[in-house]
Amino acid sequence: MDPQLPQTVDAYLERIGADRPARPDASALRELQLRHLVAVPFENLSIHLGEDIVLEDEALLDKIVARRRGGFCYELNGAFAVLLRALGFRVALLQARVHGDGGRLGIPYDHLALRVETDDGTGPWLADVGFGDHARRPLALDDRTDQEDPGGTFRIVPVPAGAGEDFGDLDVLCDGRPRLRLERRPRVPADFRAGAWYHRTSPDSHFTRAPVCSRCTDDGRITLTGRKLLTTVGTERHETSLGSDEEVLAAYREHFGVRLDRLPSNSDLR
């Protein structure tokens, strides 16, 4: 074991405002996922700052714990997997494709999600802190009935025969609409490098179009995209336009704990 890992785990738990769980059970997993979603933003700022995105444990922990940043799915769920394993959970990385407009599927390795096993005989669980506005609680991976969540009504169903996917793939639906197509074969971080490269460089990726920083709140969500700050509380939505660069930088600090010395810009794409 890395001799620095225990201290890093304590710092990670402090970062998300969570206590070290007494045991790696389903209750602890739910608490850790929720606290992660509220504390650590989903953001693509590295893409627009010209920063490297490195899918290795040390780099991910440095970014999210030491530098107190966020990231997109490969980074957030990659780091969360490190934390969960250190706390005694059994974790596998799963690749998924996102259902886009018109039902079109994204690229292979479009998304990284987590299969988590606990020590209380429940699950396995689909945990995800890297999809933006999604389920706040882990979903029971083998449950084929509706699962109620603050983020909507979720259902996990087998992909129909003849859909062109590997046998055993699953669709994750939210409020009746397909959101993710999930493969159940375990993967390793290196498998996701091509997907991460695509999303940081391709004009067809929505991540390259504008900087976004977003996180859950106790009663809604707050998002900064470009110079617009969007807040939702329940069904109420409020939009604030930010004028100066300093206002935008202050919003990153105040609402997301992200301290930048310059604004993200599309000119930094590479």
Protein backbone atom coordinates (compact mmCIF):
# COMPACT_ATOMS: atom_id res chain seq x y z
CA MET A 1 0.00 0.00 0.00
CA ASP A 2 1.15 3.52 -0.77
CA PRO A 3 2.29 4.90 2.62
CA GLN A 4 0.57 8.20 1.79
CA LEU A 5 -2.79 6.58 1.01
CA PRO A 6 -4.28 6.69 4.54
CA GLN A 7 -3.54 10.41 4.79
CA THR A 8 -4.93 10.92 1.29
CA VAL A 9 -8.12 9.06 2.19
CA ASP A 10 -8.58 11.26 5.26
CA ALA A 11 -8.03 14.36 3.11
CA TYR A 12 -10.49 13.04 0.52
CA LEU A 13 -13.14 12.46 3.19
CA GLU A 14 -12.53 15.97 4.51
CA ARG A 15 -12.86 17.29 0.94
CA ILE A 16 -16.37 15.85 0.63
CA GLY A 17 -17.39 16.47 4.24
CA ALA A 18 -17.79 12.79 5.13
CA ASP A 19 -16.77 10.72 8.12
CA ARG A 20 -14.85 7.49 7.64
CA PRO A 21 -17.57 4.80 7.51
CA ALA A 22 -17.56 2.06 10.13
CA ARG A 23 -18.00 -0.56 7.39
CA PRO A 24 -18.29 -0.62 3.59
CA ASP A 25 -22.04 -1.16 3.43
CA ALA A 26 -24.81 0.22 1.23
CA SER A 27 -25.67 2.99 3.68
CA ALA A 28 -22.09 4.24 3.66
CA LEU A 29 -21.98 4.11 -0.15
CA ARG A 30 -25.14 6.20 -0.40
CA GLU A 31 -23.73 8.79 1.98
CA LEU A 32 -20.38 8.97 0.19
CA GLN A 33 -21.98 9.36 -3.24
CA LEU A 34 -24.32 12.13 -2.12
CA ARG A 35 -21.59 14.06 -0.32
CA HIS A 36 -19.30 13.73 -3.34
CA LEU A 37 -21.99 15.10 -5.67
CA VAL A 38 -22.61 18.10 -3.41
CA ALA A 39 -18.95 18.90 -2.73
CA VAL A 40 -17.05 18.13 -5.93
CA PRO A 41 -18.16 19.80 -9.15
CA PHE A 42 -18.62 18.18 -12.50
CA GLU A 43 -16.47 20.38 -14.72
CA ASN A 44 -14.61 20.41 -18.03
CA LEU A 45 -12.37 23.38 -17.22
CA SER A 46 -9.10 21.55 -17.89
CA ILE A 47 -10.15 21.20 -21.52
CA HIS A 48 -10.57 24.98 -21.80
CA LEU A 49 -7.44 25.81 -19.78
CA GLY A 50 -5.12 23.64 -21.87
CA GLU A 51 -4.37 21.37 -18.90
CA ASP A 52 -3.39 17.73 -19.25
CA ILE A 53 -5.97 15.13 -18.21
CA VAL A 54 -4.17 12.15 -16.72
CA LEU A 55 -6.18 9.05 -15.85
CA GLU A 56 -3.84 7.72 -13.16
CA ASP A 57 -4.66 7.43 -9.47
CA GLU A 58 -2.03 9.86 -8.20
CA ALA A 59 -2.90 12.55 -10.72
CA LEU A 60 -6.64 12.20 -10.11
CA LEU A 61 -6.26 12.44 -6.34
CA ASP A 62 -3.94 15.42 -6.69
CA LYS A 63 -6.48 17.28 -8.83
CA ILE A 64 -9.59 16.52 -6.81
CA VAL A 65 -8.20 16.33 -3.28
CA ALA A 66 -5.06 18.49 -3.15
CA ARG A 67 -6.06 21.09 -5.77
CA ARG A 68 -9.76 20.94 -4.81
CA ARG A 69 -10.95 20.83 -8.40
CA GLY A 70 -13.57 18.69 -10.08
CA GLY A 71 -13.51 16.95 -13.43
CA PHE A 72 -15.58 14.95 -15.88
CA CYS A 73 -16.64 11.32 -15.62
CA TYR A 74 -13.26 9.64 -16.15
CA GLU A 75 -11.69 11.79 -13.44
CA LEU A 76 -14.52 11.93 -10.90
CA ASN A 77 -15.48 8.27 -11.00
CA GLY A 78 -11.83 7.26 -11.34
CA ALA A 79 -10.93 9.09 -8.14
CA PHE A 80 -14.10 7.91 -6.37
CA ALA A 81 -13.11 4.32 -7.18
CA VAL A 82 -9.75 4.86 -5.44
CA LEU A 83 -11.52 6.19 -2.34
CA LEU A 84 -14.06 3.38 -2.24
CA ARG A 85 -11.45 0.66 -2.59
CA ALA A 86 -9.37 2.21 0.19
CA LEU A 87 -12.48 2.08 2.41
CA GLY A 88 -13.04 -1.63 1.73
CA PHE A 89 -15.58 -1.58 -1.13
CA ARG A 90 -15.04 -3.84 -4.14
CA VAL A 91 -15.12 -1.72 -7.28
CA ALA A 92 -15.04 -2.41 -11.00
CA LEU A 93 -14.85 0.21 -13.76
CA LEU A 94 -17.58 -0.09 -16.39
CA GLN A 95 -17.74 1.55 -19.78
CA ALA A 96 -20.95 3.11 -21.01
CA ARG A 97 -22.25 5.00 -24.02
CA VAL A 98 -24.54 7.98 -23.57
CA HIS A 99 -27.89 8.10 -25.35
CA GLY A 100 -27.91 11.45 -27.12
CA ASP A 101 -30.51 13.37 -29.09
CA GLY A 102 -32.76 11.12 -31.11
CA GLY A 103 -31.49 8.07 -29.25
CA ARG A 104 -28.11 8.17 -30.99
CA LEU A 105 -25.44 6.44 -28.94
CA GLY A 106 -22.16 8.12 -28.17
CA ILE A 107 -18.73 6.65 -28.79
CA PRO A 108 -17.46 3.52 -27.00
CA TYR A 109 -15.93 4.51 -23.64
CA ASP A 110 -18.12 7.60 -23.72
CA HIS A 111 -18.61 7.35 -19.96
CA LEU A 112 -17.02 5.65 -16.97
CA ALA A 113 -19.30 4.29 -14.24
CA LEU A 114 -18.69 2.08 -11.20
CA ARG A 115 -19.94 -1.33 -10.15
CA VAL A 116 -19.64 -1.47 -6.35
CA GLU A 117 -20.04 -4.44 -4.03
CA THR A 118 -20.67 -3.92 -0.32
CA ASP A 119 -20.17 -6.21 2.66
CA ASP A 120 -23.82 -6.33 3.73
CA GLY A 121 -25.14 -8.68 1.04
CA THR A 122 -26.94 -5.97 -0.93
CA GLY A 123 -26.25 -4.81 -4.46
CA PRO A 124 -24.20 -4.88 -6.56
CA TRP A 125 -24.61 -1.13 -6.98
CA LEU A 126 -24.18 1.23 -9.90
CA ALA A 127 -22.42 4.24 -8.40
CA ASP A 128 -21.80 7.40 -10.39
CA VAL A 129 -20.49 10.83 -9.34
CA GLY A 130 -19.48 11.83 -12.87
CA PHE A 131 -22.59 12.28 -14.99
CA GLY A 132 -23.74 15.74 -13.96
CA ASP A 133 -27.48 15.80 -13.29
CA HIS A 134 -28.12 12.11 -12.63
CA ALA A 135 -29.07 9.75 -9.80
CA ARG A 136 -28.08 11.01 -6.39
CA ARG A 137 -28.10 7.54 -4.87
CA PRO A 138 -26.45 4.36 -6.11
CA LEU A 139 -28.78 2.22 -8.22
CA ALA A 140 -29.28 -1.49 -7.62
CA LEU A 141 -27.62 -2.94 -10.70
CA ASP A 142 -29.62 -6.19 -10.78
CA ASP A 143 -33.00 -4.60 -10.00
CA ARG A 144 -35.29 -4.42 -13.07
CA THR A 145 -38.07 -2.43 -11.39
CA ASP A 146 -38.44 1.33 -10.97
CA GLN A 147 -35.98 2.90 -8.54
CA GLU A 148 -37.07 6.22 -7.11
CA ASP A 149 -34.38 8.85 -6.65
CA PRO A 150 -34.34 12.64 -6.15
CA GLY A 151 -32.95 12.79 -9.71
CA GLY A 152 -35.95 10.95 -11.20
CA THR A 153 -37.38 7.47 -11.60
CA PHE A 154 -34.67 5.11 -12.81
CA ARG A 155 -34.96 1.65 -14.32
CA ILE A 156 -32.18 -0.67 -15.51
CA VAL A 157 -33.24 -2.98 -18.34
CA PRO A 158 -31.52 -5.47 -20.64
CA VAL A 159 -30.71 -4.21 -24.13
CA PRO A 160 -33.17 -5.82 -26.59
CA ALA A 161 -31.88 -8.67 -28.70
CA GLY A 162 -30.68 -7.54 -32.12
CA ALA A 163 -29.71 -4.06 -30.92
CA GLY A 164 -26.14 -4.62 -32.09
CA GLU A 165 -24.63 -4.62 -28.62
CA ASP A 166 -22.83 -7.31 -26.66
CA PHE A 167 -25.05 -9.80 -24.89
CA GLY A 168 -25.74 -8.66 -21.38
CA ASP A 169 -25.53 -4.90 -21.95
CA LEU A 170 -27.96 -2.79 -19.96
CA ASP A 171 -29.83 0.44 -20.63
CA VAL A 172 -30.23 2.87 -17.73
CA LEU A 173 -33.48 4.80 -18.12
CA CYS A 174 -34.49 7.98 -16.30
CA ASP A 175 -38.18 8.89 -16.31
CA GLY A 176 -38.70 6.40 -19.13
CA ARG A 177 -35.97 7.79 -21.41
CA PRO A 178 -32.72 5.91 -22.13
CA ARG A 179 -29.73 7.68 -20.62
CA LEU A 180 -26.81 5.22 -20.60
CA ARG A 181 -25.99 1.93 -22.31
CA LEU A 182 -23.83 0.06 -19.86
CA GLU A 183 -21.44 -2.80 -20.53
CA ARG A 184 -20.93 -5.17 -17.60
CA ARG A 185 -17.38 -6.30 -18.42
CA PRO A 186 -14.82 -4.82 -15.96
CA ARG A 187 -12.32 -2.38 -17.48
CA VAL A 188 -9.08 -0.67 -16.43
CA PRO A 189 -8.32 3.08 -16.49
CA ALA A 190 -6.15 2.84 -19.61
CA ASP A 191 -9.18 1.61 -21.58
CA PHE A 192 -10.76 5.05 -21.24
CA ARG A 193 -7.86 7.10 -22.61
CA ALA A 194 -9.22 7.20 -26.16
CA GLY A 195 -12.63 8.35 -24.93
CA ALA A 196 -11.07 11.06 -22.80
CA TRP A 197 -8.89 12.19 -25.73
CA TYR A 198 -11.95 12.39 -27.98
CA HIS A 199 -13.93 14.45 -25.50
CA ARG A 200 -11.09 16.91 -24.92
CA THR A 201 -10.26 17.44 -28.62
CA SER A 202 -13.19 16.70 -30.93
CA PRO A 203 -15.47 19.50 -32.15
CA ASP A 204 -18.24 16.89 -32.04
CA SER A 205 -17.86 16.55 -28.28
CA HIS A 206 -20.12 18.80 -26.24
CA PHE A 207 -17.27 19.20 -23.75
CA THR A 208 -15.20 21.28 -26.21
CA ARG A 209 -17.99 23.74 -26.95
CA ALA A 210 -18.02 25.76 -23.72
CA PRO A 211 -16.64 25.59 -20.19
CA VAL A 212 -19.10 24.15 -17.67
CA CYS A 213 -18.93 23.77 -13.90
CA SER A 214 -21.88 22.23 -12.04
CA ARG A 215 -22.70 20.55 -8.74
CA CYS A 216 -25.67 19.35 -6.75
CA THR A 217 -26.98 21.40 -3.87
CA ASP A 218 -29.11 20.19 -1.00
CA ASP A 219 -32.28 21.26 -2.83
CA GLY A 220 -31.27 21.59 -6.47
CA ARG A 221 -28.28 22.34 -8.66
CA ILE A 222 -25.98 25.24 -9.49
CA THR A 223 -24.21 25.56 -12.85
CA LEU A 224 -21.82 28.08 -14.35
CA THR A 225 -21.58 27.89 -18.12
CA GLY A 226 -19.64 30.63 -19.84
CA ARG A 227 -20.86 33.79 -18.10
CA LYS A 228 -24.26 32.48 -17.06
CA LEU A 229 -24.92 31.25 -13.53
CA LEU A 230 -27.93 28.94 -13.35
CA THR A 231 -29.52 27.88 -10.07
CA THR A 232 -32.44 25.54 -9.58
CA VAL A 233 -34.35 24.95 -6.37
CA GLY A 234 -37.03 22.35 -6.86
CA THR A 235 -38.83 23.42 -10.03
CA GLU A 236 -37.71 27.05 -9.83
CA ARG A 237 -34.90 28.15 -12.13
CA HIS A 238 -32.96 31.41 -11.90
CA GLU A 239 -30.38 32.74 -14.35
CA THR A 240 -27.80 35.45 -13.61
CA SER A 241 -25.56 37.01 -16.25
CA LEU A 242 -22.04 37.76 -15.07
CA GLY A 243 -20.28 40.71 -16.64
CA SER A 244 -16.61 41.09 -15.79
CA ASP A 245 -13.96 38.42 -15.74
CA GLU A 246 -13.57 38.98 -12.01
CA GLU A 247 -17.27 38.26 -11.44
CA VAL A 248 -16.90 34.94 -13.24
CA LEU A 249 -13.73 34.01 -11.34
CA ALA A 250 -15.46 34.96 -8.08
CA ALA A 251 -18.41 32.73 -8.97
CA TYR A 252 -16.06 29.79 -9.51
CA ARG A 253 -14.57 30.41 -6.05
CA GLU A 254 -17.80 31.11 -4.19
CA HIS A 255 -20.04 28.40 -5.61
CA PHE A 256 -17.59 25.63 -6.51
CA GLY A 257 -14.45 26.27 -4.46
CA VAL A 258 -12.48 26.43 -7.72
CA ARG A 259 -9.72 29.03 -7.70
CA LEU A 260 -8.47 30.05 -11.14
CA ASP A 261 -6.05 32.79 -12.16
CA ARG A 262 -7.66 33.19 -15.59
CA LEU A 263 -10.89 32.29 -17.34
CA PRO A 264 -11.20 29.06 -19.31
CA SER A 265 -11.31 29.75 -23.02
CA ASN A 266 -11.90 27.79 -26.22
CA SER A 267 -8.57 29.18 -27.46
CA ASP A 268 -6.84 26.79 -25.03
CA LEU A 269 -8.17 23.67 -26.74
CA ARG A 270 -5.51 21.31 -28.00
